[in-house]
Amino acid sequence: MTGRRGDAIRLADMLRSATRIEEIRTRGYDAFAETWVNQSAVIRELEVLGEAAGLLSPAVRGSHPEVAWAKMRGFGSFAKHEYWRVDPALLWKAVEEMPRLRSELARIASDEA
């Protein structure tokens, strides 16, 4: 049986994914680009971010228009349906955005608590 996953839990999921991506970021671009494992991990965590963003209540998303909710939501579909177009250099740009995103998510989670 699964319980209802509310906004607080979804925000926690997003924070965990952003933190995991930041861990990869600390290793630097070369380590990221050298192995498919790191790239796959980033893709997976971006998918989690997107799925959770899409399942947040419209009230939370609407209260925080500074967050690129739609871009996050679109990545999962892109990665699944156009996987051959996922470029490590573009992924790295998303990786570099994680400190800012994690900070925004932490603030939102605190506001919603």
N, C-alpha and C. Protein backbone atom coordinates (compact mmCIF):
# COMPACT_ATOMS: atom_id res chain seq x y z
N MET A 1 0.85 -1.18 0.00
CA MET A 1 0.00 0.00 0.00
C MET A 1 0.89 1.25 0.00
N THR A 2 0.59 2.18 -0.85
CA THR A 2 1.37 3.41 -0.88
C THR A 2 0.53 4.54 -0.33
N GLY A 3 1.16 5.39 0.46
CA GLY A 3 0.48 6.55 1.01
C GLY A 3 0.55 7.72 0.05
N ARG A 4 -0.20 8.72 0.34
CA ARG A 4 -0.19 9.94 -0.48
C ARG A 4 1.12 10.66 -0.25
N ARG A 5 1.78 10.99 -1.31
CA ARG A 5 3.05 11.73 -1.23
C ARG A 5 2.73 13.20 -1.45
N GLY A 6 2.70 13.94 -0.38
CA GLY A 6 2.35 15.35 -0.46
C GLY A 6 3.54 16.21 -0.88
N ASP A 7 3.30 17.50 -0.87
CA ASP A 7 4.31 18.45 -1.31
C ASP A 7 5.59 18.37 -0.48
N ALA A 8 5.47 18.21 0.82
CA ALA A 8 6.67 18.17 1.67
C ALA A 8 7.56 16.99 1.30
N ILE A 9 6.96 15.86 1.02
CA ILE A 9 7.74 14.67 0.65
C ILE A 9 8.34 14.85 -0.74
N ARG A 10 7.58 15.40 -1.64
CA ARG A 10 8.10 15.63 -3.00
C ARG A 10 9.26 16.64 -2.97
N LEU A 11 9.14 17.69 -2.18
CA LEU A 11 10.24 18.64 -2.05
C LEU A 11 11.47 17.97 -1.44
N ALA A 12 11.26 17.07 -0.48
CA ALA A 12 12.39 16.33 0.11
C ALA A 12 13.04 15.44 -0.94
N ASP A 13 12.24 14.82 -1.79
CA ASP A 13 12.78 14.01 -2.88
C ASP A 13 13.64 14.87 -3.81
N MET A 14 13.14 16.05 -4.11
CA MET A 14 13.86 16.95 -5.00
C MET A 14 15.17 17.42 -4.37
N LEU A 15 15.12 17.73 -3.09
CA LEU A 15 16.35 18.14 -2.40
C LEU A 15 17.38 17.03 -2.40
N ARG A 16 16.93 15.80 -2.19
CA ARG A 16 17.85 14.65 -2.20
C ARG A 16 18.49 14.49 -3.58
N SER A 17 17.70 14.63 -4.63
CA SER A 17 18.25 14.51 -5.99
C SER A 17 19.24 15.62 -6.29
N ALA A 18 18.89 16.84 -5.90
CA ALA A 18 19.80 17.97 -6.13
C ALA A 18 21.11 17.77 -5.37
N THR A 19 21.03 17.26 -4.16
CA THR A 19 22.23 16.99 -3.35
C THR A 19 23.09 15.92 -4.01
N ARG A 20 22.47 14.89 -4.53
CA ARG A 20 23.21 13.83 -5.21
C ARG A 20 23.93 14.36 -6.44
N ILE A 21 23.25 15.21 -7.18
CA ILE A 21 23.88 15.80 -8.36
C ILE A 21 25.04 16.69 -7.94
N GLU A 22 24.88 17.41 -6.85
CA GLU A 22 25.97 18.25 -6.36
C GLU A 22 27.19 17.41 -5.97
N GLU A 23 26.96 16.22 -5.45
CA GLU A 23 28.08 15.33 -5.11
C GLU A 23 28.90 15.02 -6.37
N ILE A 24 28.22 14.77 -7.46
CA ILE A 24 28.92 14.51 -8.73
C ILE A 24 29.64 15.78 -9.19
N ARG A 25 29.02 16.91 -8.98
CA ARG A 25 29.60 18.20 -9.38
C ARG A 25 30.96 18.42 -8.68
N THR A 26 31.08 18.00 -7.44
CA THR A 26 32.33 18.23 -6.70
C THR A 26 33.51 17.49 -7.32
N ARG A 27 33.24 16.46 -8.10
CA ARG A 27 34.31 15.69 -8.75
C ARG A 27 34.85 16.38 -10.00
N GLY A 28 34.09 17.36 -10.51
CA GLY A 28 34.52 18.12 -11.67
C GLY A 28 34.01 17.53 -12.98
N TYR A 29 34.11 18.38 -14.00
CA TYR A 29 33.59 18.00 -15.32
C TYR A 29 34.31 16.80 -15.91
N ASP A 30 35.63 16.74 -15.78
CA ASP A 30 36.37 15.64 -16.41
C ASP A 30 35.92 14.29 -15.87
N ALA A 31 35.75 14.19 -14.55
CA ALA A 31 35.28 12.93 -13.96
C ALA A 31 33.87 12.61 -14.44
N PHE A 32 33.05 13.64 -14.57
CA PHE A 32 31.69 13.46 -15.06
C PHE A 32 31.70 12.96 -16.50
N ALA A 33 32.49 13.61 -17.35
CA ALA A 33 32.49 13.30 -18.78
C ALA A 33 33.15 11.97 -19.10
N GLU A 34 34.05 11.52 -18.24
CA GLU A 34 34.81 10.29 -18.51
C GLU A 34 34.00 9.02 -18.36
N THR A 35 32.94 9.05 -17.57
CA THR A 35 32.24 7.80 -17.31
C THR A 35 30.73 7.94 -17.49
N TRP A 36 30.17 6.97 -18.14
CA TRP A 36 28.73 6.94 -18.36
C TRP A 36 27.98 6.79 -17.05
N VAL A 37 28.63 6.21 -16.04
CA VAL A 37 27.95 6.00 -14.76
C VAL A 37 27.54 7.34 -14.15
N ASN A 38 28.46 8.30 -14.14
CA ASN A 38 28.14 9.62 -13.59
C ASN A 38 27.06 10.31 -14.44
N GLN A 39 27.17 10.18 -15.73
CA GLN A 39 26.18 10.80 -16.61
C GLN A 39 24.80 10.17 -16.39
N SER A 40 24.77 8.86 -16.28
CA SER A 40 23.49 8.17 -16.04
C SER A 40 22.90 8.55 -14.69
N ALA A 41 23.76 8.70 -13.70
CA ALA A 41 23.28 9.10 -12.37
C ALA A 41 22.65 10.49 -12.43
N VAL A 42 23.29 11.40 -13.14
CA VAL A 42 22.73 12.75 -13.27
C VAL A 42 21.41 12.71 -14.02
N ILE A 43 21.35 11.95 -15.08
CA ILE A 43 20.09 11.84 -15.84
C ILE A 43 18.98 11.32 -14.93
N ARG A 44 19.27 10.28 -14.18
CA ARG A 44 18.26 9.70 -13.28
C ARG A 44 17.77 10.72 -12.26
N GLU A 45 18.70 11.45 -11.64
CA GLU A 45 18.30 12.42 -10.62
C GLU A 45 17.55 13.59 -11.24
N LEU A 46 17.90 13.98 -12.46
CA LEU A 46 17.14 15.02 -13.15
C LEU A 46 15.73 14.53 -13.48
N GLU A 47 15.60 13.25 -13.80
CA GLU A 47 14.28 12.68 -14.03
C GLU A 47 13.44 12.73 -12.76
N VAL A 48 14.05 12.39 -11.62
CA VAL A 48 13.33 12.46 -10.34
C VAL A 48 12.90 13.90 -10.06
N LEU A 49 13.82 14.84 -10.26
CA LEU A 49 13.48 16.26 -10.06
C LEU A 49 12.28 16.64 -10.92
N GLY A 50 12.30 16.25 -12.17
CA GLY A 50 11.21 16.60 -13.08
C GLY A 50 9.89 15.96 -12.71
N GLU A 51 9.94 14.70 -12.37
CA GLU A 51 8.70 14.00 -12.00
C GLU A 51 8.10 14.60 -10.73
N ALA A 52 8.94 14.83 -9.74
CA ALA A 52 8.45 15.41 -8.48
C ALA A 52 7.94 16.84 -8.71
N ALA A 53 8.63 17.60 -9.54
CA ALA A 53 8.18 18.97 -9.85
C ALA A 53 6.79 18.95 -10.48
N GLY A 54 6.57 18.00 -11.35
CA GLY A 54 5.28 17.89 -12.02
C GLY A 54 4.16 17.45 -11.10
N LEU A 55 4.51 16.79 -10.00
CA LEU A 55 3.50 16.30 -9.07
C LEU A 55 3.28 17.21 -7.87
N LEU A 56 4.08 18.27 -7.76
CA LEU A 56 3.82 19.26 -6.72
C LEU A 56 2.47 19.92 -6.98
N SER A 57 1.86 20.39 -5.93
CA SER A 57 0.57 21.05 -6.11
C SER A 57 0.73 22.32 -6.94
N PRO A 58 -0.30 22.67 -7.69
CA PRO A 58 -0.25 23.93 -8.44
C PRO A 58 -0.04 25.13 -7.52
N ALA A 59 -0.50 25.04 -6.29
CA ALA A 59 -0.33 26.15 -5.34
C ALA A 59 1.15 26.39 -5.04
N VAL A 60 1.90 25.32 -4.83
CA VAL A 60 3.34 25.47 -4.55
C VAL A 60 4.04 26.00 -5.78
N ARG A 61 3.79 25.41 -6.92
CA ARG A 61 4.44 25.88 -8.15
C ARG A 61 4.08 27.33 -8.43
N GLY A 62 2.81 27.67 -8.26
CA GLY A 62 2.36 29.03 -8.52
C GLY A 62 2.92 30.06 -7.56
N SER A 63 3.22 29.63 -6.35
CA SER A 63 3.79 30.53 -5.33
C SER A 63 5.26 30.82 -5.57
N HIS A 64 5.88 30.05 -6.43
CA HIS A 64 7.32 30.17 -6.65
C HIS A 64 7.64 30.17 -8.14
N PRO A 65 7.21 31.23 -8.83
CA PRO A 65 7.45 31.30 -10.28
C PRO A 65 8.92 31.47 -10.65
N GLU A 66 9.76 31.77 -9.67
CA GLU A 66 11.20 31.92 -9.93
C GLU A 66 11.87 30.59 -10.24
N VAL A 67 11.20 29.48 -9.95
CA VAL A 67 11.75 28.15 -10.21
C VAL A 67 11.26 27.68 -11.58
N ALA A 68 12.16 27.11 -12.35
CA ALA A 68 11.83 26.65 -13.71
C ALA A 68 11.15 25.28 -13.67
N TRP A 69 9.96 25.24 -13.11
CA TRP A 69 9.23 23.98 -12.94
C TRP A 69 9.02 23.29 -14.28
N ALA A 70 8.58 24.03 -15.28
CA ALA A 70 8.27 23.43 -16.58
C ALA A 70 9.51 22.83 -17.23
N LYS A 71 10.64 23.50 -17.11
CA LYS A 71 11.88 22.96 -17.68
C LYS A 71 12.25 21.65 -16.99
N MET A 72 12.11 21.61 -15.67
CA MET A 72 12.42 20.37 -14.94
C MET A 72 11.49 19.25 -15.39
N ARG A 73 10.22 19.58 -15.51
CA ARG A 73 9.24 18.56 -15.91
C ARG A 73 9.51 18.04 -17.32
N GLY A 74 9.96 18.91 -18.21
CA GLY A 74 10.19 18.51 -19.59
C GLY A 74 11.39 17.62 -19.79
N PHE A 75 12.36 17.68 -18.88
CA PHE A 75 13.58 16.92 -19.10
C PHE A 75 13.34 15.41 -19.09
N GLY A 76 12.51 14.92 -18.18
CA GLY A 76 12.28 13.47 -18.09
C GLY A 76 11.75 12.90 -19.39
N SER A 77 10.80 13.61 -19.97
CA SER A 77 10.23 13.16 -21.24
C SER A 77 11.29 13.20 -22.33
N PHE A 78 12.05 14.28 -22.36
CA PHE A 78 13.13 14.41 -23.34
C PHE A 78 14.13 13.27 -23.20
N ALA A 79 14.57 12.99 -21.98
CA ALA A 79 15.59 11.96 -21.75
C ALA A 79 15.08 10.57 -22.16
N LYS A 80 13.80 10.32 -21.94
CA LYS A 80 13.23 9.02 -22.30
C LYS A 80 12.99 8.88 -23.79
N HIS A 81 12.44 9.92 -24.39
CA HIS A 81 11.99 9.80 -25.77
C HIS A 81 13.01 10.24 -26.80
N GLU A 82 14.01 11.01 -26.38
CA GLU A 82 15.04 11.45 -27.31
C GLU A 82 16.41 11.26 -26.67
N TYR A 83 16.57 10.08 -26.07
CA TYR A 83 17.79 9.76 -25.32
C TYR A 83 19.08 9.98 -26.11
N TRP A 84 19.03 9.80 -27.40
CA TRP A 84 20.24 9.94 -28.22
C TRP A 84 20.69 11.40 -28.32
N ARG A 85 19.82 12.33 -27.96
CA ARG A 85 20.17 13.75 -28.04
C ARG A 85 20.69 14.31 -26.72
N VAL A 86 20.74 13.48 -25.68
CA VAL A 86 21.23 13.96 -24.39
C VAL A 86 22.74 14.15 -24.49
N ASP A 87 23.17 15.38 -24.36
CA ASP A 87 24.56 15.77 -24.54
C ASP A 87 25.23 16.00 -23.18
N PRO A 88 26.35 15.34 -22.91
CA PRO A 88 27.02 15.53 -21.61
C PRO A 88 27.35 16.98 -21.29
N ALA A 89 27.71 17.77 -22.28
CA ALA A 89 28.03 19.18 -22.03
C ALA A 89 26.79 19.95 -21.57
N LEU A 90 25.63 19.63 -22.15
CA LEU A 90 24.39 20.27 -21.70
C LEU A 90 23.96 19.77 -20.34
N LEU A 91 24.17 18.48 -20.09
CA LEU A 91 23.89 17.94 -18.76
C LEU A 91 24.70 18.68 -17.71
N TRP A 92 25.97 18.94 -18.03
CA TRP A 92 26.84 19.61 -17.08
C TRP A 92 26.32 21.00 -16.74
N LYS A 93 25.68 21.66 -17.69
CA LYS A 93 25.09 22.97 -17.40
C LYS A 93 24.01 22.82 -16.32
N ALA A 94 23.24 21.76 -16.41
CA ALA A 94 22.23 21.50 -15.38
C ALA A 94 22.90 21.19 -14.05
N VAL A 95 24.00 20.44 -14.09
CA VAL A 95 24.75 20.12 -12.87
C VAL A 95 25.22 21.40 -12.19
N GLU A 96 25.68 22.33 -12.99
CA GLU A 96 26.18 23.59 -12.44
C GLU A 96 25.09 24.45 -11.83
N GLU A 97 23.84 24.19 -12.19
CA GLU A 97 22.70 24.93 -11.62
C GLU A 97 22.24 24.37 -10.27
N MET A 98 22.76 23.21 -9.88
CA MET A 98 22.24 22.54 -8.68
C MET A 98 22.41 23.33 -7.39
N PRO A 99 23.53 24.00 -7.14
CA PRO A 99 23.60 24.75 -5.87
C PRO A 99 22.48 25.78 -5.74
N ARG A 100 22.21 26.50 -6.82
CA ARG A 100 21.14 27.50 -6.80
C ARG A 100 19.78 26.83 -6.62
N LEU A 101 19.54 25.76 -7.38
CA LEU A 101 18.26 25.07 -7.29
C LEU A 101 18.06 24.47 -5.91
N ARG A 102 19.11 23.85 -5.38
CA ARG A 102 18.99 23.24 -4.05
C ARG A 102 18.65 24.31 -3.01
N SER A 103 19.27 25.46 -3.13
CA SER A 103 19.00 26.56 -2.21
C SER A 103 17.53 27.01 -2.32
N GLU A 104 17.05 27.15 -3.54
CA GLU A 104 15.65 27.53 -3.76
C GLU A 104 14.70 26.49 -3.19
N LEU A 105 15.00 25.21 -3.44
CA LEU A 105 14.14 24.14 -2.94
C LEU A 105 14.14 24.09 -1.42
N ALA A 106 15.30 24.31 -0.81
CA ALA A 106 15.39 24.31 0.66
C ALA A 106 14.54 25.44 1.23
N ARG A 107 14.59 26.60 0.61
CA ARG A 107 13.80 27.74 1.06
C ARG A 107 12.30 27.43 0.93
N ILE A 108 11.92 26.85 -0.21
CA ILE A 108 10.51 26.52 -0.43
C ILE A 108 10.06 25.47 0.57
N ALA A 109 10.88 24.45 0.78
CA ALA A 109 10.52 23.39 1.75
C ALA A 109 10.33 23.99 3.14
N SER A 110 11.19 24.92 3.50
CA SER A 110 11.08 25.59 4.80
C SER A 110 9.80 26.40 4.88
N ASP A 111 9.47 27.13 3.81
CA ASP A 111 8.25 27.93 3.77
C ASP A 111 6.99 27.06 3.87
N GLU A 112 7.06 25.87 3.26
CA GLU A 112 5.89 24.98 3.20
C GLU A 112 5.72 24.15 4.48
N ALA A 113 6.76 24.09 5.31
CA ALA A 113 6.69 23.25 6.52
C ALA A 113 5.74 23.79 7.55
